[in-house]
Amino acid sequence: MKNIIGFILCFYCSVQLYASKVDTLNVYSKSMNKNIKNIVITPDSYSKKGKAYSVVYLLHGAGGDYKDWLKKVPKLGKYADIYNVIIVCPDGNKTSWYFDSPVDETMKYETYISEELVLEIDKSFNTIVNKKNRAISGLSMGGHGALYLAFKHTDIWGVAASMSGGVDIRPFPLRWDLAKRLGSYAEHKEHWEQNTVINLVHLLNGKNLKLMFDCGVDDFFYDANVRLHKKLLQRNIPHDYIERPGGHTNEYWKNSIKYQMLFFNEFFK
């Protein structure tokens, strides 16, 4: 009897601690003519008939998929409950880099996330349909994607962040299928120059996007993040930049997401 009571108490506590709901949403992409899977986490307080919610989009890194964030940070559901937000984790293909490829018509992930997915999330869930209540972040390739999409679509996102982001892709012409998405650097240099985050700072006016990014000092993307920080300072673009010990690791990202969720919450308020 004691064992049964103990089991019930443990089950009750676990339900209370992780009461958010995790769903898989299939969204048809007209631009790519295919269905794409996305994780959607709604907080315990969520109701379609109740209040509307802010939304945080989290983009995975190279080699990952829509389940990647939950694998790396199982506490995502807890953050949805704490901050009363909806969290969306799209599938960005393993190496899409989240732009519309100028050399491959089947890869249009900028259009998918910025237009098709956002529209479907606002249609299917009780969201606040306003850029002031929409955030985007990501790790590694997803960090590049989050800033890339937010810089180019300041009418969609009000706040953006990146952790360990590949914010300058030009030093890596042979890595992560970038040449498949942009063409070789030798033959299509203009594609690389036009689609790297560090070259898109001119799209910001210092008021149209709240911005935060961080990187570990032992990360191979550290130099690029430092250069982005300095460029934003030169252009007088307000932003929060953090560097801390750590490399390109799950442990770093588990720590980083805690601060970014707090940053988003302050913005939403």
Protein backbone atom coordinates (compact mmCIF):
# COMPACT_ATOMS: atom_id res chain seq x y z
CA MET A 1 0.00 0.00 0.00
CA LYS A 2 2.82 2.38 0.89
CA ASN A 3 4.50 1.65 -2.42
CA ILE A 4 1.30 2.46 -4.30
CA ILE A 5 0.85 5.75 -2.44
CA GLY A 6 4.48 6.63 -3.07
CA PHE A 7 4.09 5.91 -6.77
CA ILE A 8 0.96 8.08 -6.97
CA LEU A 9 2.71 10.95 -5.18
CA CYS A 10 5.72 10.71 -7.48
CA PHE A 11 3.50 10.62 -10.55
CA TYR A 12 1.47 13.61 -9.31
CA CYS A 13 4.62 15.64 -8.64
CA SER A 14 6.09 14.83 -12.06
CA VAL A 15 2.85 15.89 -13.75
CA GLN A 16 2.85 19.15 -11.81
CA LEU A 17 6.48 19.82 -12.65
CA TYR A 18 6.19 19.12 -16.38
CA ALA A 19 2.57 19.93 -17.09
CA SER A 20 3.22 21.51 -20.49
CA LYS A 21 2.02 19.63 -23.57
CA VAL A 22 4.27 18.55 -26.45
CA ASP A 23 2.70 18.07 -29.88
CA THR A 24 4.02 17.38 -33.37
CA LEU A 25 2.48 19.68 -35.97
CA ASN A 26 2.71 18.85 -39.67
CA VAL A 27 2.72 21.97 -41.84
CA TYR A 28 2.45 21.90 -45.60
CA SER A 29 5.00 24.12 -47.32
CA LYS A 30 3.61 25.41 -50.58
CA SER A 31 7.01 26.85 -51.53
CA MET A 32 8.68 23.44 -51.25
CA ASN A 33 5.66 21.23 -51.96
CA LYS A 34 6.09 19.01 -48.90
CA ASN A 35 4.93 18.50 -45.32
CA ILE A 36 7.33 19.55 -42.58
CA LYS A 37 7.22 18.41 -38.95
CA ASN A 38 7.48 20.84 -36.04
CA ILE A 39 7.43 20.40 -32.27
CA VAL A 40 4.97 22.73 -30.51
CA ILE A 41 5.09 23.02 -26.72
CA THR A 42 2.14 24.70 -25.01
CA PRO A 43 2.23 25.66 -21.32
CA ASP A 44 0.03 24.04 -18.70
CA SER A 45 -2.16 27.15 -18.60
CA TYR A 46 -2.85 27.01 -22.36
CA SER A 47 -6.42 27.10 -23.59
CA LYS A 48 -7.72 27.93 -27.05
CA LYS A 49 -10.58 29.79 -25.40
CA GLY A 50 -8.43 31.60 -22.87
CA LYS A 51 -5.71 34.23 -23.09
CA ALA A 52 -3.41 34.53 -26.10
CA TYR A 53 0.27 33.63 -25.81
CA SER A 54 3.65 34.89 -26.96
CA VAL A 55 5.64 32.48 -29.14
CA VAL A 56 9.33 31.53 -29.09
CA TYR A 57 10.79 29.82 -32.18
CA LEU A 58 13.92 27.71 -31.62
CA LEU A 59 16.03 26.56 -34.58
CA HIS A 60 18.24 23.46 -34.46
CA GLY A 61 21.83 23.15 -35.61
CA ALA A 62 23.40 21.33 -38.57
CA GLY A 63 22.65 17.62 -38.56
CA GLY A 64 19.64 18.06 -36.27
CA ASP A 65 15.90 17.99 -36.80
CA TYR A 66 12.68 19.24 -35.18
CA LYS A 67 13.21 16.93 -32.15
CA ASP A 68 16.76 18.14 -31.53
CA TRP A 69 15.99 20.91 -29.04
CA LEU A 70 13.94 18.62 -26.79
CA LYS A 71 16.75 16.05 -26.82
CA LYS A 72 19.35 18.65 -25.90
CA VAL A 73 17.18 20.58 -23.39
CA PRO A 74 14.48 18.33 -21.86
CA LYS A 75 13.47 21.24 -19.61
CA LEU A 76 11.95 23.18 -22.53
CA GLY A 77 8.49 22.26 -21.28
CA LYS A 78 9.33 23.69 -17.88
CA TYR A 79 10.37 26.99 -19.51
CA ALA A 80 7.05 27.08 -21.38
CA ASP A 81 5.26 26.77 -18.02
CA ILE A 82 7.46 29.25 -16.15
CA TYR A 83 7.14 32.00 -18.77
CA ASN A 84 3.69 31.09 -20.11
CA VAL A 85 4.80 30.97 -23.73
CA ILE A 86 4.37 28.64 -26.68
CA ILE A 87 7.65 27.17 -27.95
CA VAL A 88 7.96 26.06 -31.59
CA CYS A 89 10.85 23.91 -32.86
CA PRO A 90 10.72 23.66 -36.67
CA ASP A 91 12.51 21.14 -38.83
CA GLY A 92 15.03 23.08 -40.89
CA ASN A 93 16.41 20.14 -42.85
CA LYS A 94 19.80 18.95 -41.64
CA THR A 95 21.74 21.68 -43.44
CA SER A 96 19.31 24.25 -44.88
CA TRP A 97 20.96 27.18 -43.09
CA TYR A 98 17.44 28.66 -43.04
CA PHE A 99 17.69 30.73 -46.20
CA ASP A 100 16.09 30.33 -49.63
CA SER A 101 18.85 28.69 -51.61
CA PRO A 102 19.78 30.62 -54.76
CA VAL A 103 20.99 27.37 -56.40
CA ASP A 104 18.44 24.79 -55.20
CA GLU A 105 14.73 25.47 -55.73
CA THR A 106 13.79 22.69 -53.28
CA MET A 107 15.36 24.53 -50.31
CA LYS A 108 13.25 27.54 -49.30
CA TYR A 109 13.43 27.56 -45.53
CA GLU A 110 13.40 31.34 -45.18
CA THR A 111 10.00 31.40 -46.86
CA TYR A 112 8.83 28.38 -44.91
CA ILE A 113 9.63 29.68 -41.42
CA SER A 114 9.05 33.42 -41.89
CA GLU A 115 5.82 33.08 -43.83
CA GLU A 116 4.24 29.64 -43.95
CA LEU A 117 5.03 28.36 -40.45
CA VAL A 118 4.33 31.62 -38.61
CA LEU A 119 0.99 31.90 -40.40
CA GLU A 120 0.06 28.30 -39.51
CA ILE A 121 1.07 28.67 -35.84
CA ASP A 122 -1.01 31.84 -35.48
CA LYS A 123 -3.92 30.09 -37.18
CA SER A 124 -3.74 26.83 -35.20
CA PHE A 125 -2.91 28.18 -31.73
CA ASN A 126 -4.09 30.99 -29.50
CA THR A 127 -1.20 33.40 -30.09
CA ILE A 128 -0.71 37.14 -29.85
CA VAL A 129 -0.38 38.02 -33.53
CA ASN A 130 2.19 40.76 -33.12
CA LYS A 131 5.95 40.99 -33.61
CA LYS A 132 6.22 42.30 -30.05
CA ASN A 133 5.19 38.85 -28.86
CA ARG A 134 7.23 36.76 -31.26
CA ALA A 135 10.86 35.69 -30.58
CA ILE A 136 13.38 33.56 -32.45
CA SER A 137 16.66 31.93 -31.42
CA GLY A 138 18.80 28.96 -32.31
CA LEU A 139 22.09 27.19 -31.80
CA SER A 140 24.99 26.94 -34.25
CA MET A 141 23.41 26.80 -37.75
CA GLY A 142 20.17 27.72 -35.98
CA GLY A 143 21.86 30.75 -34.42
CA HIS A 144 22.78 31.92 -37.90
CA GLY A 145 19.22 31.17 -39.01
CA ALA A 146 17.57 33.05 -36.16
CA LEU A 147 19.54 36.25 -36.75
CA TYR A 148 19.34 35.91 -40.53
CA LEU A 149 15.54 35.59 -40.48
CA ALA A 150 15.07 38.30 -37.86
CA PHE A 151 17.39 40.78 -39.61
CA LYS A 152 15.55 40.27 -42.90
CA HIS A 153 12.05 40.18 -41.38
CA THR A 154 11.89 42.76 -38.62
CA ASP A 155 8.16 42.98 -39.33
CA ILE A 156 7.77 39.36 -38.14
CA TRP A 157 10.06 39.13 -35.09
CA GLY A 158 10.45 41.73 -32.37
CA VAL A 159 13.29 40.01 -30.53
CA ALA A 160 16.02 37.64 -31.70
CA ALA A 161 18.90 35.75 -30.14
CA SER A 162 21.66 33.32 -31.09
CA MET A 163 23.87 30.94 -29.18
CA SER A 164 27.15 29.70 -30.69
CA GLY A 165 25.85 31.01 -33.99
CA GLY A 166 27.65 30.68 -37.31
CA VAL A 167 27.18 34.39 -37.90
CA ASP A 168 29.83 34.53 -40.64
CA ILE A 169 29.73 31.51 -42.94
CA ARG A 170 32.42 32.69 -45.36
CA PRO A 171 35.39 31.13 -43.49
CA PHE A 172 33.82 27.67 -43.93
CA PRO A 173 33.40 27.11 -47.70
CA LEU A 174 33.74 23.32 -47.45
CA ARG A 175 31.67 22.63 -44.34
CA TRP A 176 28.08 21.67 -43.50
CA ASP A 177 26.79 21.50 -47.11
CA LEU A 178 27.09 25.27 -47.50
CA ALA A 179 28.37 24.90 -51.05
CA LYS A 180 25.28 22.83 -51.90
CA ARG A 181 23.06 25.65 -50.67
CA LEU A 182 24.98 28.62 -52.13
CA GLY A 183 27.19 27.22 -54.85
CA SER A 184 30.95 27.10 -54.45
CA TYR A 185 32.57 30.17 -52.93
CA ALA A 186 34.96 30.44 -55.88
CA GLU A 187 32.15 30.57 -58.44
CA HIS A 188 29.35 32.25 -56.45
CA LYS A 189 31.03 34.62 -54.02
CA GLU A 190 28.06 37.02 -54.25
CA HIS A 191 25.73 34.35 -52.79
CA TRP A 192 27.97 33.96 -49.75
CA GLU A 193 28.32 37.71 -49.24
CA GLN A 194 24.55 38.26 -49.47
CA ASN A 195 23.57 35.43 -47.13
CA THR A 196 25.94 35.75 -44.19
CA VAL A 197 24.54 37.40 -41.05
CA ILE A 198 27.47 39.72 -40.45
CA ASN A 199 26.76 41.42 -43.80
CA LEU A 200 23.11 42.09 -42.95
CA VAL A 201 23.66 44.57 -40.12
CA HIS A 202 22.67 47.40 -42.48
CA LEU A 203 19.07 46.15 -42.23
CA LEU A 204 18.92 47.22 -38.57
CA ASN A 205 18.17 50.75 -37.41
CA GLY A 206 18.65 50.18 -33.69
CA LYS A 207 14.90 50.27 -33.01
CA ASN A 208 13.31 47.60 -35.18
CA LEU A 209 14.73 44.55 -33.37
CA LYS A 210 15.74 43.68 -29.80
CA LEU A 211 18.90 41.63 -30.02
CA MET A 212 20.99 39.23 -27.91
CA PHE A 213 23.68 36.71 -28.77
CA ASP A 214 26.33 34.72 -26.94
CA CYS A 215 29.20 32.35 -27.65
CA GLY A 216 31.70 30.28 -25.68
CA VAL A 217 35.29 31.46 -25.83
CA ASP A 218 36.45 27.98 -26.90
CA ASP A 219 33.94 27.78 -29.77
CA PHE A 220 35.10 27.70 -33.41
CA PHE A 221 32.46 30.40 -34.11
CA TYR A 222 33.80 32.65 -31.34
CA ASP A 223 35.83 34.93 -33.63
CA ALA A 224 32.82 35.55 -35.89
CA ASN A 225 30.63 36.45 -32.91
CA VAL A 226 33.22 38.90 -31.60
CA ARG A 227 33.39 40.54 -35.05
CA LEU A 228 29.60 40.82 -35.19
CA HIS A 229 29.58 42.42 -31.74
CA LYS A 230 32.19 44.99 -32.81
CA LYS A 231 30.35 45.76 -36.03
CA LEU A 232 27.10 46.38 -34.13
CA LEU A 233 28.98 48.70 -31.76
CA GLN A 234 30.41 50.64 -34.72
CA ARG A 235 26.90 51.04 -36.16
CA ASN A 236 25.45 52.05 -32.77
CA ILE A 237 23.00 49.13 -32.80
CA PRO A 238 21.91 48.30 -29.22
CA HIS A 239 22.37 44.64 -28.32
CA ASP A 240 23.27 42.30 -25.49
CA TYR A 241 26.43 40.29 -26.16
CA ILE A 242 27.72 37.64 -23.75
CA GLU A 243 30.79 35.45 -23.90
CA ARG A 244 31.47 32.82 -21.29
CA PRO A 245 33.69 29.75 -20.83
CA GLY A 246 32.64 26.84 -23.00
CA GLY A 247 32.69 25.35 -26.45
CA HIS A 248 30.25 24.05 -29.06
CA THR A 249 28.53 21.68 -26.63
CA ASN A 250 25.14 20.64 -25.29
CA GLU A 251 26.17 21.75 -21.81
CA TYR A 252 26.82 25.27 -23.10
CA TRP A 253 23.42 25.43 -24.84
CA LYS A 254 21.54 24.08 -21.81
CA ASN A 255 22.99 26.95 -19.81
CA SER A 256 22.52 29.57 -22.52
CA ILE A 257 18.82 28.93 -23.15
CA LYS A 258 18.02 29.80 -19.52
CA TYR A 259 19.25 33.36 -19.98
CA GLN A 260 17.69 33.76 -23.40
CA MET A 261 14.24 32.70 -22.17
CA LEU A 262 14.52 35.30 -19.40
CA PHE A 263 15.57 37.90 -21.98
CA PHE A 264 12.52 37.08 -24.13
CA ASN A 265 10.23 37.22 -21.12
CA GLU A 266 11.44 40.70 -20.22
CA PHE A 267 10.83 41.81 -23.79
CA PHE A 268 7.31 40.37 -23.88
CA LYS A 269 6.45 42.19 -20.66
